[in-house]
Amino acid sequence: MSAPVPMIAGNWKMHGTAAALAEAQQVAGADLPAGVRVALCPPATLVERMSRTLQGGPVLVGGQDCHPEPQGAHTGDVSAEMLAEAGAKLVILGHSERRAGYGESDEVVAAKVAAALRAALEPVVCVGETLAEREGGKTLDVVTWQVRRSLPEALSARPFTVAYEPVWAIGSGLTPSLGDIEEVHAAIRETLVEKFGEAGARTAILYGGSVKPANAREILALPEVGGALVGGASLKASDFLGIIGAAGAR
């Protein structure tokens, strides 16, 4: 049974114009550690340009969301097929900012995962609890339920990644304790193995939520933490490279 391959993925969210491509080039041109997958997920307006800029290099390009349908009257949305045509290789789905801000249910996320598979994109599926759920002692129940409901059975035959993002930690500067992160990642792994067998054992589980160069090494050293989904720190090449370097030192 092969071990998960670690990944460091940067989510630029709604940041970045053409000038920001220089940061992506700096990341791609650095001496990246062997055995670590690196990805950048810019706004949809930059996916095609970043793909051309980084073509043939070590950094994968991804989207931040996709619509479940391949086409249609869905103003403002982007399909998985459009992302793939623009050069994307993966796509973030079920991010807490989509679940909370746009009311995306587990069923909607699962439909988007199916769309990603249809377009041969690797889904990076996010799960995580709110502060109220954590304070209510519901973290493991919420997160494992999301894993079961958001990831369709079809993933067992395809590459995919899961990211644990405690909602209350994103952009707040706060992080759970190392023990809390370890506990949740262990529960996610157990659920993945129950649902997908060997495929669930070889899937990387990323941690997301205020990951920075200063805390990356201790987080990435935890059991079952197979990388990081990085927000603000991925916008500057120097910060992002520091986190990538921490992954290479595991």
C-alpha atoms as a PDB file:
ATOM      1  CA  MET A   1       0.000   0.000   0.000  1.00  0.00           C
ATOM      2  CA  SER A   2       1.610   3.263  -1.122  1.00  0.00           C
ATOM      3  CA  ALA A   3       1.954   6.158   1.312  1.00  0.00           C
ATOM      4  CA  PRO A   4       0.237   9.484   0.579  1.00  0.00           C
ATOM      5  CA  VAL A   5       2.340  11.919  -1.451  1.00  0.00           C
ATOM      6  CA  PRO A   6       2.487  15.250   0.421  1.00  0.00           C
ATOM      7  CA  MET A   7       1.081  18.373  -1.212  1.00  0.00           C
ATOM      8  CA  ILE A   8       1.373  22.081  -0.511  1.00  0.00           C
ATOM      9  CA  ALA A   9      -1.409  23.956  -2.303  1.00  0.00           C
ATOM     10  CA  GLY A  10      -1.874  27.706  -2.398  1.00  0.00           C
ATOM     11  CA  ASN A  11      -5.376  29.180  -2.538  1.00  0.00           C
ATOM     12  CA  TRP A  12      -5.134  32.775  -3.748  1.00  0.00           C
ATOM     13  CA  LYS A  13      -8.869  33.307  -3.175  1.00  0.00           C
ATOM     14  CA  MET A  14     -10.031  36.649  -4.680  1.00  0.00           C
ATOM     15  CA  HIS A  15      -6.526  38.067  -4.897  1.00  0.00           C
ATOM     16  CA  GLY A  16      -4.177  38.508  -7.808  1.00  0.00           C
ATOM     17  CA  THR A  17      -3.993  40.217 -11.164  1.00  0.00           C
ATOM     18  CA  ALA A  18      -1.500  39.606 -13.961  1.00  0.00           C
ATOM     19  CA  ALA A  19       1.293  41.218 -11.948  1.00  0.00           C
ATOM     20  CA  ALA A  20       0.997  38.429  -9.381  1.00  0.00           C
ATOM     21  CA  LEU A  21       2.177  35.869 -11.925  1.00  0.00           C
ATOM     22  CA  ALA A  22       5.713  36.917 -11.043  1.00  0.00           C
ATOM     23  CA  GLU A  23       5.196  35.369  -7.603  1.00  0.00           C
ATOM     24  CA  ALA A  24       4.094  32.094  -9.217  1.00  0.00           C
ATOM     25  CA  GLN A  25       7.136  32.137 -11.488  1.00  0.00           C
ATOM     26  CA  GLN A  26       9.394  32.624  -8.479  1.00  0.00           C
ATOM     27  CA  VAL A  27       7.870  29.575  -6.798  1.00  0.00           C
ATOM     28  CA  ALA A  28       8.200  27.438  -9.925  1.00  0.00           C
ATOM     29  CA  GLY A  29      11.789  28.540 -10.444  1.00  0.00           C
ATOM     30  CA  ALA A  30      12.916  27.672  -6.925  1.00  0.00           C
ATOM     31  CA  ASP A  31      14.692  24.505  -5.868  1.00  0.00           C
ATOM     32  CA  LEU A  32      11.595  22.624  -4.739  1.00  0.00           C
ATOM     33  CA  PRO A  33      11.990  19.525  -2.549  1.00  0.00           C
ATOM     34  CA  ALA A  34      11.626  16.166  -4.234  1.00  0.00           C
ATOM     35  CA  GLY A  35       8.579  14.142  -3.337  1.00  0.00           C
ATOM     36  CA  VAL A  36       6.346  17.125  -2.555  1.00  0.00           C
ATOM     37  CA  ARG A  37       3.555  18.145  -4.913  1.00  0.00           C
ATOM     38  CA  VAL A  38       3.095  21.904  -5.215  1.00  0.00           C
ATOM     39  CA  ALA A  39      -0.009  23.626  -6.568  1.00  0.00           C
ATOM     40  CA  LEU A  40      -1.319  27.161  -6.955  1.00  0.00           C
ATOM     41  CA  CYS A  41      -5.017  27.954  -7.314  1.00  0.00           C
ATOM     42  CA  PRO A  42      -5.460  31.535  -8.571  1.00  0.00           C
ATOM     43  CA  PRO A  43      -8.712  33.327  -9.431  1.00  0.00           C
ATOM     44  CA  ALA A  44     -10.416  31.977 -12.559  1.00  0.00           C
ATOM     45  CA  THR A  45      -9.221  34.988 -14.568  1.00  0.00           C
ATOM     46  CA  LEU A  46      -5.607  33.853 -14.085  1.00  0.00           C
ATOM     47  CA  VAL A  47      -5.891  30.091 -14.523  1.00  0.00           C
ATOM     48  CA  GLU A  48      -5.137  30.091 -18.252  1.00  0.00           C
ATOM     49  CA  ARG A  49      -2.350  32.668 -17.991  1.00  0.00           C
ATOM     50  CA  MET A  50      -0.718  30.944 -15.032  1.00  0.00           C
ATOM     51  CA  SER A  51      -0.948  27.589 -16.821  1.00  0.00           C
ATOM     52  CA  ARG A  52       0.842  29.042 -19.854  1.00  0.00           C
ATOM     53  CA  THR A  53       3.415  30.795 -17.698  1.00  0.00           C
ATOM     54  CA  LEU A  54       4.252  27.676 -15.676  1.00  0.00           C
ATOM     55  CA  GLN A  55       3.810  25.142 -18.485  1.00  0.00           C
ATOM     56  CA  GLY A  56       6.213  22.238 -18.183  1.00  0.00           C
ATOM     57  CA  GLY A  57       7.304  23.270 -14.695  1.00  0.00           C
ATOM     58  CA  PRO A  58       6.863  21.528 -11.336  1.00  0.00           C
ATOM     59  CA  VAL A  59       3.904  23.588 -10.068  1.00  0.00           C
ATOM     60  CA  LEU A  60       0.364  22.399 -10.759  1.00  0.00           C
ATOM     61  CA  VAL A  61      -2.354  24.961 -11.455  1.00  0.00           C
ATOM     62  CA  GLY A  62      -5.864  24.596 -10.117  1.00  0.00           C
ATOM     63  CA  GLY A  63      -9.218  26.296  -9.854  1.00  0.00           C
ATOM     64  CA  GLN A  64     -10.996  27.397  -6.691  1.00  0.00           C
ATOM     65  CA  ASP A  65     -14.478  26.083  -7.497  1.00  0.00           C
ATOM     66  CA  CYS A  66     -16.577  24.713 -10.341  1.00  0.00           C
ATOM     67  CA  HIS A  67     -20.253  24.348 -11.222  1.00  0.00           C
ATOM     68  CA  PRO A  68     -21.733  20.835 -11.246  1.00  0.00           C
ATOM     69  CA  GLU A  69     -22.969  21.231 -14.844  1.00  0.00           C
ATOM     70  CA  PRO A  70     -20.679  21.335 -17.900  1.00  0.00           C
ATOM     71  CA  GLN A  71     -22.516  24.324 -19.385  1.00  0.00           C
ATOM     72  CA  GLY A  72     -25.770  26.251 -19.156  1.00  0.00           C
ATOM     73  CA  ALA A  73     -27.475  29.418 -17.975  1.00  0.00           C
ATOM     74  CA  HIS A  74     -25.373  29.871 -14.864  1.00  0.00           C
ATOM     75  CA  THR A  75     -24.200  33.480 -14.979  1.00  0.00           C
ATOM     76  CA  GLY A  76     -20.873  34.052 -13.293  1.00  0.00           C
ATOM     77  CA  ASP A  77     -20.060  30.358 -12.820  1.00  0.00           C
ATOM     78  CA  VAL A  78     -17.201  28.329 -14.285  1.00  0.00           C
ATOM     79  CA  SER A  79     -17.485  24.670 -15.267  1.00  0.00           C
ATOM     80  CA  ALA A  80     -14.907  21.980 -14.586  1.00  0.00           C
ATOM     81  CA  GLU A  81     -14.471  21.581 -18.349  1.00  0.00           C
ATOM     82  CA  MET A  82     -13.638  25.287 -18.674  1.00  0.00           C
ATOM     83  CA  LEU A  83     -10.995  24.991 -15.956  1.00  0.00           C
ATOM     84  CA  ALA A  84      -9.478  21.932 -17.626  1.00  0.00           C
ATOM     85  CA  GLU A  85      -9.386  23.693 -20.999  1.00  0.00           C
ATOM     86  CA  ALA A  86      -7.608  26.614 -19.317  1.00  0.00           C
ATOM     87  CA  GLY A  87      -4.902  24.246 -18.102  1.00  0.00           C
ATOM     88  CA  ALA A  88      -6.038  23.421 -14.576  1.00  0.00           C
ATOM     89  CA  LYS A  89      -5.124  20.019 -13.171  1.00  0.00           C
ATOM     90  CA  LEU A  90      -7.062  20.189  -9.924  1.00  0.00           C
ATOM     91  CA  VAL A  91      -9.840  22.156  -8.250  1.00  0.00           C
ATOM     92  CA  ILE A  92     -10.672  23.119  -4.655  1.00  0.00           C
ATOM     93  CA  LEU A  93     -14.231  22.143  -3.715  1.00  0.00           C
ATOM     94  CA  GLY A  94     -16.328  22.611  -0.586  1.00  0.00           C
ATOM     95  CA  HIS A  95     -14.130  25.339   0.863  1.00  0.00           C
ATOM     96  CA  SER A  96     -15.665  26.690   4.059  1.00  0.00           C
ATOM     97  CA  GLU A  97     -16.069  30.091   2.437  1.00  0.00           C
ATOM     98  CA  ARG A  98     -18.267  28.411  -0.182  1.00  0.00           C
ATOM     99  CA  ARG A  99     -20.144  26.278   2.336  1.00  0.00           C
ATOM    100  CA  ALA A 100     -20.802  29.197   4.710  1.00  0.00           C
ATOM    101  CA  GLY A 101     -21.055  32.120   2.300  1.00  0.00           C
ATOM    102  CA  TYR A 102     -23.000  30.382  -0.477  1.00  0.00           C
ATOM    103  CA  GLY A 103     -24.876  27.741   1.465  1.00  0.00           C
ATOM    104  CA  GLU A 104     -23.220  24.804  -0.263  1.00  0.00           C
ATOM    105  CA  SER A 105     -24.406  21.510   1.204  1.00  0.00           C
ATOM    106  CA  ASP A 106     -22.515  18.227   1.225  1.00  0.00           C
ATOM    107  CA  GLU A 107     -24.733  17.124  -1.671  1.00  0.00           C
ATOM    108  CA  VAL A 108     -23.750  20.158  -3.745  1.00  0.00           C
ATOM    109  CA  VAL A 109     -20.078  19.548  -2.976  1.00  0.00           C
ATOM    110  CA  ALA A 110     -20.428  15.903  -4.007  1.00  0.00           C
ATOM    111  CA  ALA A 111     -22.008  16.989  -7.302  1.00  0.00           C
ATOM    112  CA  LYS A 112     -19.082  19.320  -7.921  1.00  0.00           C
ATOM    113  CA  VAL A 113     -16.647  16.501  -7.158  1.00  0.00           C
ATOM    114  CA  ALA A 114     -18.426  14.402  -9.791  1.00  0.00           C
ATOM    115  CA  ALA A 115     -18.051  17.298 -12.230  1.00  0.00           C
ATOM    116  CA  ALA A 116     -14.333  17.513 -11.512  1.00  0.00           C
ATOM    117  CA  LEU A 117     -13.925  13.811 -12.213  1.00  0.00           C
ATOM    118  CA  ARG A 118     -15.912  14.203 -15.436  1.00  0.00           C
ATOM    119  CA  ALA A 119     -13.355  16.797 -16.580  1.00  0.00           C
ATOM    120  CA  ALA A 120     -10.345  14.772 -15.362  1.00  0.00           C
ATOM    121  CA  LEU A 121      -9.524  17.278 -12.605  1.00  0.00           C
ATOM    122  CA  GLU A 122      -8.232  16.151  -9.220  1.00  0.00           C
ATOM    123  CA  PRO A 123     -10.671  17.291  -6.511  1.00  0.00           C
ATOM    124  CA  VAL A 124      -9.284  18.859  -3.331  1.00  0.00           C
ATOM    125  CA  VAL A 125     -12.299  18.473  -1.036  1.00  0.00           C
ATOM    126  CA  CYS A 126     -12.472  20.667   2.068  1.00  0.00           C
ATOM    127  CA  VAL A 127     -14.133  19.789   5.367  1.00  0.00           C
ATOM    128  CA  GLY A 128     -14.187  21.572   8.708  1.00  0.00           C
ATOM    129  CA  GLU A 129     -16.216  22.706  11.703  1.00  0.00           C
ATOM    130  CA  THR A 130     -17.417  26.117  12.864  1.00  0.00           C
ATOM    131  CA  LEU A 131     -16.456  27.612  16.218  1.00  0.00           C
ATOM    132  CA  ALA A 132     -19.912  26.830  17.619  1.00  0.00           C
ATOM    133  CA  GLU A 133     -19.571  23.197  16.538  1.00  0.00           C
ATOM    134  CA  ARG A 134     -16.126  22.936  18.117  1.00  0.00           C
ATOM    135  CA  GLU A 135     -17.270  24.517  21.378  1.00  0.00           C
ATOM    136  CA  GLY A 136     -20.234  22.135  21.360  1.00  0.00           C
ATOM    137  CA  GLY A 137     -17.940  19.109  21.149  1.00  0.00           C
ATOM    138  CA  LYS A 138     -19.190  18.189  17.670  1.00  0.00           C
ATOM    139  CA  THR A 139     -15.965  18.525  15.677  1.00  0.00           C
ATOM    140  CA  LEU A 140     -15.361  14.858  14.888  1.00  0.00           C
ATOM    141  CA  ASP A 141     -19.024  14.181  14.142  1.00  0.00           C
ATOM    142  CA  VAL A 142     -19.254  17.163  11.774  1.00  0.00           C
ATOM    143  CA  VAL A 143     -16.001  16.496   9.949  1.00  0.00           C
ATOM    144  CA  THR A 144     -16.486  12.760   9.459  1.00  0.00           C
ATOM    145  CA  TRP A 145     -20.076  13.352   8.317  1.00  0.00           C
ATOM    146  CA  GLN A 146     -18.802  15.817   5.708  1.00  0.00           C
ATOM    147  CA  VAL A 147     -16.226  13.284   4.511  1.00  0.00           C
ATOM    148  CA  ARG A 148     -18.884  10.614   4.125  1.00  0.00           C
ATOM    149  CA  ARG A 149     -21.389  12.879   2.370  1.00  0.00           C
ATOM    150  CA  SER A 150     -19.141  15.113   0.244  1.00  0.00           C
ATOM    151  CA  LEU A 151     -16.975  12.427  -1.360  1.00  0.00           C
ATOM    152  CA  PRO A 152     -18.796  10.167  -3.871  1.00  0.00           C
ATOM    153  CA  GLU A 153     -17.888   6.499  -4.262  1.00  0.00           C
ATOM    154  CA  ALA A 154     -16.426   7.173  -7.722  1.00  0.00           C
ATOM    155  CA  LEU A 155     -13.343   8.663  -6.049  1.00  0.00           C
ATOM    156  CA  SER A 156     -12.115   5.194  -5.112  1.00  0.00           C
ATOM    157  CA  ALA A 157     -10.711   4.792  -8.627  1.00  0.00           C
ATOM    158  CA  ARG A 158      -9.368   8.342  -9.058  1.00  0.00           C
ATOM    159  CA  PRO A 159      -6.764  10.575  -7.393  1.00  0.00           C
ATOM    160  CA  PHE A 160      -8.179  13.002  -4.852  1.00  0.00           C
ATOM    161  CA  THR A 161      -7.129  15.027  -1.831  1.00  0.00           C
ATOM    162  CA  VAL A 162      -8.920  16.057   1.358  1.00  0.00           C
ATOM    163  CA  ALA A 163      -8.235  19.266   3.277  1.00  0.00           C
ATOM    164  CA  TYR A 164      -9.221  19.817   6.909  1.00  0.00           C
ATOM    165  CA  GLU A 165      -9.967  23.486   7.487  1.00  0.00           C
ATOM    166  CA  PRO A 166     -11.442  24.506  10.829  1.00  0.00           C
ATOM    167  CA  VAL A 167     -13.724  27.341   9.728  1.00  0.00           C
ATOM    168  CA  TRP A 168     -12.882  29.517  12.704  1.00  0.00           C
ATOM    169  CA  ALA A 169      -9.133  29.339  12.006  1.00  0.00           C
ATOM    170  CA  ILE A 170      -9.219  30.541   8.384  1.00  0.00           C
ATOM    171  CA  GLY A 171      -7.773  34.025   8.090  1.00  0.00           C
ATOM    172  CA  SER A 172      -8.034  34.562  11.852  1.00  0.00           C
ATOM    173  CA  GLY A 173      -4.429  33.943  12.779  1.00  0.00           C
ATOM    174  CA  LEU A 174      -5.687  31.223  15.129  1.00  0.00           C
ATOM    175  CA  THR A 175      -4.928  27.527  14.852  1.00  0.00           C
ATOM    176  CA  PRO A 176      -6.158  24.498  16.791  1.00  0.00           C
ATOM    177  CA  SER A 177      -3.719  22.845  19.155  1.00  0.00           C
ATOM    178  CA  LEU A 178      -1.394  20.284  17.607  1.00  0.00           C
ATOM    179  CA  GLY A 179      -3.286  17.611  19.521  1.00  0.00           C
ATOM    180  CA  ASP A 180      -6.589  18.775  18.064  1.00  0.00           C
ATOM    181  CA  ILE A 181      -5.205  18.718  14.510  1.00  0.00           C
ATOM    182  CA  GLU A 182      -3.773  15.235  15.044  1.00  0.00           C
ATOM    183  CA  GLU A 183      -7.081  13.958  16.434  1.00  0.00           C
ATOM    184  CA  VAL A 184      -9.142  15.286  13.513  1.00  0.00           C
ATOM    185  CA  HIS A 185      -6.727  14.047  10.854  1.00  0.00           C
ATOM    186  CA  ALA A 186      -6.745  10.583  12.445  1.00  0.00           C
ATOM    187  CA  ALA A 187     -10.560  10.563  12.348  1.00  0.00           C
ATOM    188  CA  ILE A 188     -10.558  11.659   8.698  1.00  0.00           C
ATOM    189  CA  ARG A 189      -8.092   8.893   7.811  1.00  0.00           C
ATOM    190  CA  GLU A 190     -10.206   6.278   9.557  1.00  0.00           C
ATOM    191  CA  THR A 191     -13.298   7.474   7.706  1.00  0.00           C
ATOM    192  CA  LEU A 192     -11.513   7.523   4.348  1.00  0.00           C
ATOM    193  CA  VAL A 193     -10.257   3.963   4.820  1.00  0.00           C
ATOM    194  CA  GLU A 194     -13.731   2.798   5.854  1.00  0.00           C
ATOM    195  CA  LYS A 195     -15.257   4.401   2.753  1.00  0.00           C
ATOM    196  CA  PHE A 196     -12.573   3.858   0.103  1.00  0.00           C
ATOM    197  CA  GLY A 197     -10.237   1.135   1.368  1.00  0.00           C
ATOM    198  CA  GLU A 198      -6.727   1.376  -0.056  1.00  0.00           C
ATOM    199  CA  ALA A 199      -7.593   4.564  -1.965  1.00  0.00           C
ATOM    200  CA  GLY A 200      -8.508   6.171   1.346  1.00  0.00           C
ATOM    201  CA  ALA A 201      -5.199   5.096   2.864  1.00  0.00           C
ATOM    202  CA  ARG A 202      -3.096   6.687   0.125  1.00  0.00           C
ATOM    203  CA  THR A 203      -4.985   9.989  -0.029  1.00  0.00           C
ATOM    204  CA  ALA A 204      -3.152  13.024   1.324  1.00  0.00           C
ATOM    205  CA  ILE A 205      -4.989  14.923   4.067  1.00  0.00           C
ATOM    206  CA  LEU A 206      -3.969  18.572   4.066  1.00  0.00           C
ATOM    207  CA  TYR A 207      -4.328  20.980   6.961  1.00  0.00           C
ATOM    208  CA  GLY A 208      -5.625  24.479   6.196  1.00  0.00           C
ATOM    209  CA  GLY A 209      -6.167  27.405   8.522  1.00  0.00           C
ATOM    210  CA  SER A 210      -3.621  30.186   9.092  1.00  0.00           C
ATOM    211  CA  VAL A 211      -0.638  28.090   7.982  1.00  0.00           C
ATOM    212  CA  LYS A 212       2.536  30.188   7.926  1.00  0.00           C
ATOM    213  CA  PRO A 213       6.268  29.533   7.648  1.00  0.00           C
ATOM    214  CA  ALA A 214       6.504  29.973  11.431  1.00  0.00           C
ATOM    215  CA  ASN A 215       4.098  27.138  12.282  1.00  0.00           C
ATOM    216  CA  ALA A 216       4.322  24.924   9.196  1.00  0.00           C
ATOM    217  CA  ARG A 217       7.093  22.622  10.373  1.00  0.00           C
ATOM    218  CA  GLU A 218       5.366  21.529  13.596  1.00  0.00           C
ATOM    219  CA  ILE A 219       2.004  21.084  11.877  1.00  0.00           C
ATOM    220  CA  LEU A 220       3.428  19.117   8.960  1.00  0.00           C
ATOM    221  CA  ALA A 221       5.311  16.825  11.337  1.00  0.00           C
ATOM    222  CA  LEU A 222       2.044  15.504  12.811  1.00  0.00           C
ATOM    223  CA  PRO A 223       0.823  12.005  11.906  1.00  0.00           C
ATOM    224  CA  GLU A 224      -1.655  11.970   8.994  1.00  0.00           C
ATOM    225  CA  VAL A 225      -0.938  15.596   8.068  1.00  0.00           C
ATOM    226  CA  GLY A 226       0.018  15.148   4.432  1.00  0.00           C
ATOM    227  CA  GLY A 227       0.537  18.777   3.495  1.00  0.00           C
ATOM    228  CA  ALA A 228      -1.194  22.126   3.709  1.00  0.00           C
ATOM    229  CA  LEU A 229      -3.817  24.212   1.954  1.00  0.00           C
ATOM    230  CA  VAL A 230      -2.375  27.691   2.330  1.00  0.00           C
ATOM    231  CA  GLY A 231      -4.304  30.941   2.018  1.00  0.00           C
ATOM    232  CA  GLY A 232      -2.694  34.336   2.553  1.00  0.00           C
ATOM    233  CA  ALA A 233       0.833  32.981   2.904  1.00  0.00           C
ATOM    234  CA  SER A 234       0.669  31.597  -0.657  1.00  0.00           C
ATOM    235  CA  LEU A 235       0.417  35.090  -2.172  1.00  0.00           C
ATOM    236  CA  LYS A 236       4.081  35.847  -1.509  1.00  0.00           C
ATOM    237  CA  ALA A 237       6.608  33.444  -2.990  1.00  0.00           C
ATOM    238  CA  SER A 238       9.002  33.804  -0.050  1.00  0.00           C
ATOM    239  CA  ASP A 239       6.350  32.768   2.484  1.00  0.00           C
ATOM    240  CA  PHE A 240       4.975  29.977   0.324  1.00  0.00           C
ATOM    241  CA  LEU A 241       8.458  28.593  -0.331  1.00  0.00           C
ATOM    242  CA  GLY A 242       9.085  28.551   3.406  1.00  0.00           C
ATOM    243  CA  ILE A 243       6.068  26.287   3.892  1.00  0.00           C
ATOM    244  CA  ILE A 244       7.084  24.079   0.953  1.00  0.00           C
ATOM    245  CA  GLY A 245      10.535  23.768   2.479  1.00  0.00           C
ATOM    246  CA  ALA A 246       9.007  22.657   5.772  1.00  0.00           C
ATOM    247  CA  ALA A 247       7.159  19.904   3.915  1.00  0.00           C
ATOM    248  CA  GLY A 248      10.383  18.753   2.325  1.00  0.00           C
ATOM    249  CA  ALA A 249      12.035  18.523   5.736  1.00  0.00           C
ATOM    250  CA  ARG A 250       9.458  16.087   7.154  1.00  0.00           C
END
